[in-house]
Amino acid sequence: MNLLTTMICITLTLSIILMLVAHLLPNVTPDFQKLSPYECGFDPMGSARLPFSLHFFLIAILFLLFDLEIALLFPLPWADQLPSTMTPYIYTLVLIVLLGGGLAYEWIQGGLEWAK
């Protein structure tokens, strides 16, 4: 048996065991307090189902996108160790131009203004 087959067998066995334990262990008789929107015991003042602002999600997604960009650019200083040193820099330039263009588009459209 090679290493890949062993790892697949271990992964499948562990996954099946964990699914069985998760299915057999929980207590599925929730009481009234667990089914209420607030578990603190107080009655809610208003609706518990208030919608979130779509603008908030746009800002959050932009933050995650630029946070991911930093993670993608992190190995760039080691690019000078590669045989063709210009290729990673060209890819990096394309990535920065695309993200900068998207940011400029959102800025021009007014998507980054918090108070409207």
C-alpha atoms as a PDB file:
ATOM      1  CA  MET A   1       0.000   0.000   0.000  1.00  0.00           C
ATOM      2  CA  ASN A   2       1.452   3.328  -0.908  1.00  0.00           C
ATOM      3  CA  LEU A   3       1.259   6.509   1.139  1.00  0.00           C
ATOM      4  CA  LEU A   4      -1.616   8.043  -0.831  1.00  0.00           C
ATOM      5  CA  THR A   5      -3.854   5.007  -0.372  1.00  0.00           C
ATOM      6  CA  THR A   6      -3.047   4.899   3.332  1.00  0.00           C
ATOM      7  CA  MET A   7      -3.913   8.579   3.775  1.00  0.00           C
ATOM      8  CA  ILE A   8      -7.208   8.180   1.883  1.00  0.00           C
ATOM      9  CA  CYS A   9      -8.171   5.162   4.039  1.00  0.00           C
ATOM     10  CA  ILE A  10      -7.324   6.994   7.263  1.00  0.00           C
ATOM     11  CA  THR A  11      -9.236  10.086   6.144  1.00  0.00           C
ATOM     12  CA  LEU A  12     -12.329   8.127   5.141  1.00  0.00           C
ATOM     13  CA  THR A  13     -12.288   6.053   8.341  1.00  0.00           C
ATOM     14  CA  LEU A  14     -11.900   9.103  10.561  1.00  0.00           C
ATOM     15  CA  SER A  15     -14.631  10.971   8.648  1.00  0.00           C
ATOM     16  CA  ILE A  16     -17.092   8.104   8.981  1.00  0.00           C
ATOM     17  CA  ILE A  17     -16.362   7.708  12.701  1.00  0.00           C
ATOM     18  CA  LEU A  18     -16.847  11.442  13.325  1.00  0.00           C
ATOM     19  CA  MET A  19     -20.104  11.507  11.344  1.00  0.00           C
ATOM     20  CA  LEU A  20     -21.445   8.545  13.317  1.00  0.00           C
ATOM     21  CA  VAL A  21     -20.498  10.127  16.651  1.00  0.00           C
ATOM     22  CA  ALA A  22     -22.065  13.443  15.635  1.00  0.00           C
ATOM     23  CA  HIS A  23     -25.253  11.649  14.603  1.00  0.00           C
ATOM     24  CA  LEU A  24     -25.600   9.460  17.698  1.00  0.00           C
ATOM     25  CA  LEU A  25     -24.562  11.829  20.504  1.00  0.00           C
ATOM     26  CA  PRO A  26     -26.704  14.990  20.368  1.00  0.00           C
ATOM     27  CA  ASN A  27     -29.869  15.479  22.379  1.00  0.00           C
ATOM     28  CA  VAL A  28     -32.581  16.465  19.900  1.00  0.00           C
ATOM     29  CA  THR A  29     -35.242  17.698  22.345  1.00  0.00           C
ATOM     30  CA  PRO A  30     -34.733  21.468  22.490  1.00  0.00           C
ATOM     31  CA  ASP A  31     -36.840  23.399  24.962  1.00  0.00           C
ATOM     32  CA  PHE A  32     -38.738  26.650  24.444  1.00  0.00           C
ATOM     33  CA  GLN A  33     -35.785  28.855  25.417  1.00  0.00           C
ATOM     34  CA  LYS A  34     -33.457  27.216  22.889  1.00  0.00           C
ATOM     35  CA  LEU A  35     -35.993  27.782  20.119  1.00  0.00           C
ATOM     36  CA  SER A  36     -36.426  31.471  20.950  1.00  0.00           C
ATOM     37  CA  PRO A  37     -34.325  34.045  19.034  1.00  0.00           C
ATOM     38  CA  TYR A  38     -32.676  35.233  22.253  1.00  0.00           C
ATOM     39  CA  GLU A  39     -31.461  32.790  24.885  1.00  0.00           C
ATOM     40  CA  CYS A  40     -31.067  35.446  27.600  1.00  0.00           C
ATOM     41  CA  GLY A  41     -34.622  35.062  28.897  1.00  0.00           C
ATOM     42  CA  PHE A  42     -35.775  38.584  27.989  1.00  0.00           C
ATOM     43  CA  ASP A  43     -38.455  39.247  25.432  1.00  0.00           C
ATOM     44  CA  PRO A  44     -37.068  41.052  22.383  1.00  0.00           C
ATOM     45  CA  MET A  45     -37.944  44.723  21.957  1.00  0.00           C
ATOM     46  CA  GLY A  46     -38.381  44.483  18.198  1.00  0.00           C
ATOM     47  CA  SER A  47     -38.066  41.967  15.427  1.00  0.00           C
ATOM     48  CA  ALA A  48     -35.199  39.494  15.715  1.00  0.00           C
ATOM     49  CA  ARG A  49     -35.006  39.209  11.957  1.00  0.00           C
ATOM     50  CA  LEU A  50     -33.632  42.619  11.024  1.00  0.00           C
ATOM     51  CA  PRO A  51     -31.982  42.587   7.600  1.00  0.00           C
ATOM     52  CA  PHE A  52     -28.324  43.456   7.305  1.00  0.00           C
ATOM     53  CA  SER A  53     -27.244  46.234   5.029  1.00  0.00           C
ATOM     54  CA  LEU A  54     -25.994  45.079   1.641  1.00  0.00           C
ATOM     55  CA  HIS A  55     -23.512  47.929   1.806  1.00  0.00           C
ATOM     56  CA  PHE A  56     -21.961  46.385   4.925  1.00  0.00           C
ATOM     57  CA  PHE A  57     -21.425  43.121   3.040  1.00  0.00           C
ATOM     58  CA  LEU A  58     -19.825  44.980   0.120  1.00  0.00           C
ATOM     59  CA  ILE A  59     -17.321  46.629   2.449  1.00  0.00           C
ATOM     60  CA  ALA A  60     -16.634  43.285   4.154  1.00  0.00           C
ATOM     61  CA  ILE A  61     -16.036  41.522   0.838  1.00  0.00           C
ATOM     62  CA  LEU A  62     -13.708  44.290  -0.328  1.00  0.00           C
ATOM     63  CA  PHE A  63     -11.770  43.972   2.928  1.00  0.00           C
ATOM     64  CA  LEU A  64     -11.439  40.210   2.470  1.00  0.00           C
ATOM     65  CA  LEU A  65     -10.401  40.648  -1.147  1.00  0.00           C
ATOM     66  CA  PHE A  66      -7.590  43.042  -0.292  1.00  0.00           C
ATOM     67  CA  ASP A  67      -6.602  40.924   2.695  1.00  0.00           C
ATOM     68  CA  LEU A  68      -6.260  37.972   0.315  1.00  0.00           C
ATOM     69  CA  GLU A  69      -4.191  40.138  -2.015  1.00  0.00           C
ATOM     70  CA  ILE A  70      -1.669  40.676   0.759  1.00  0.00           C
ATOM     71  CA  ALA A  71      -1.472  36.906   1.284  1.00  0.00           C
ATOM     72  CA  LEU A  72      -0.903  36.404  -2.444  1.00  0.00           C
ATOM     73  CA  LEU A  73       1.842  39.046  -2.535  1.00  0.00           C
ATOM     74  CA  PHE A  74       3.619  37.719   0.567  1.00  0.00           C
ATOM     75  CA  PRO A  75       5.968  35.285  -1.270  1.00  0.00           C
ATOM     76  CA  LEU A  76       6.982  37.954  -3.807  1.00  0.00           C
ATOM     77  CA  PRO A  77      10.355  38.816  -2.167  1.00  0.00           C
ATOM     78  CA  TRP A  78      11.494  35.246  -2.826  1.00  0.00           C
ATOM     79  CA  ALA A  79      10.706  35.570  -6.536  1.00  0.00           C
ATOM     80  CA  ASP A  80      14.272  36.660  -7.298  1.00  0.00           C
ATOM     81  CA  GLN A  81      15.345  33.066  -6.527  1.00  0.00           C
ATOM     82  CA  LEU A  82      13.443  31.733  -9.548  1.00  0.00           C
ATOM     83  CA  PRO A  83      15.070  31.172 -12.956  1.00  0.00           C
ATOM     84  CA  SER A  84      12.843  33.761 -14.672  1.00  0.00           C
ATOM     85  CA  THR A  85      12.573  36.630 -12.209  1.00  0.00           C
ATOM     86  CA  MET A  86      10.299  38.865 -14.286  1.00  0.00           C
ATOM     87  CA  THR A  87       7.340  36.444 -14.568  1.00  0.00           C
ATOM     88  CA  PRO A  88       6.160  36.744 -10.927  1.00  0.00           C
ATOM     89  CA  TYR A  89       6.518  40.511 -11.084  1.00  0.00           C
ATOM     90  CA  ILE A  90       4.398  40.682 -14.243  1.00  0.00           C
ATOM     91  CA  TYR A  91       1.702  38.521 -12.596  1.00  0.00           C
ATOM     92  CA  THR A  92       1.859  40.753  -9.541  1.00  0.00           C
ATOM     93  CA  LEU A  93       1.486  43.871 -11.670  1.00  0.00           C
ATOM     94  CA  VAL A  94      -1.544  42.355 -13.445  1.00  0.00           C
ATOM     95  CA  LEU A  95      -3.109  41.461 -10.061  1.00  0.00           C
ATOM     96  CA  ILE A  96      -2.540  44.945  -8.640  1.00  0.00           C
ATOM     97  CA  VAL A  97      -3.893  46.624 -11.784  1.00  0.00           C
ATOM     98  CA  LEU A  98      -7.042  44.453 -11.741  1.00  0.00           C
ATOM     99  CA  LEU A  99      -7.689  45.049  -8.046  1.00  0.00           C
ATOM    100  CA  GLY A 100      -6.882  48.740  -8.340  1.00  0.00           C
ATOM    101  CA  GLY A 101      -9.242  49.054 -11.293  1.00  0.00           C
ATOM    102  CA  GLY A 102     -12.008  47.326  -9.341  1.00  0.00           C
ATOM    103  CA  LEU A 103     -11.402  49.594  -6.361  1.00  0.00           C
ATOM    104  CA  ALA A 104     -11.465  52.692  -8.577  1.00  0.00           C
ATOM    105  CA  TYR A 105     -14.733  51.517 -10.161  1.00  0.00           C
ATOM    106  CA  GLU A 106     -16.352  51.013  -6.733  1.00  0.00           C
ATOM    107  CA  TRP A 107     -15.063  54.388  -5.590  1.00  0.00           C
ATOM    108  CA  ILE A 108     -16.438  56.176  -8.667  1.00  0.00           C
ATOM    109  CA  GLN A 109     -19.808  54.402  -8.342  1.00  0.00           C
ATOM    110  CA  GLY A 110     -20.019  55.535  -4.703  1.00  0.00           C
ATOM    111  CA  GLY A 111     -19.955  52.038  -3.239  1.00  0.00           C
ATOM    112  CA  LEU A 112     -17.398  52.986  -0.587  1.00  0.00           C
ATOM    113  CA  GLU A 113     -19.354  55.886   0.882  1.00  0.00           C
ATOM    114  CA  TRP A 114     -20.778  54.722   4.177  1.00  0.00           C
ATOM    115  CA  ALA A 115     -23.413  57.421   4.707  1.00  0.00           C
ATOM    116  CA  LYS A 116     -25.662  58.073   1.731  1.00  0.00           C
END
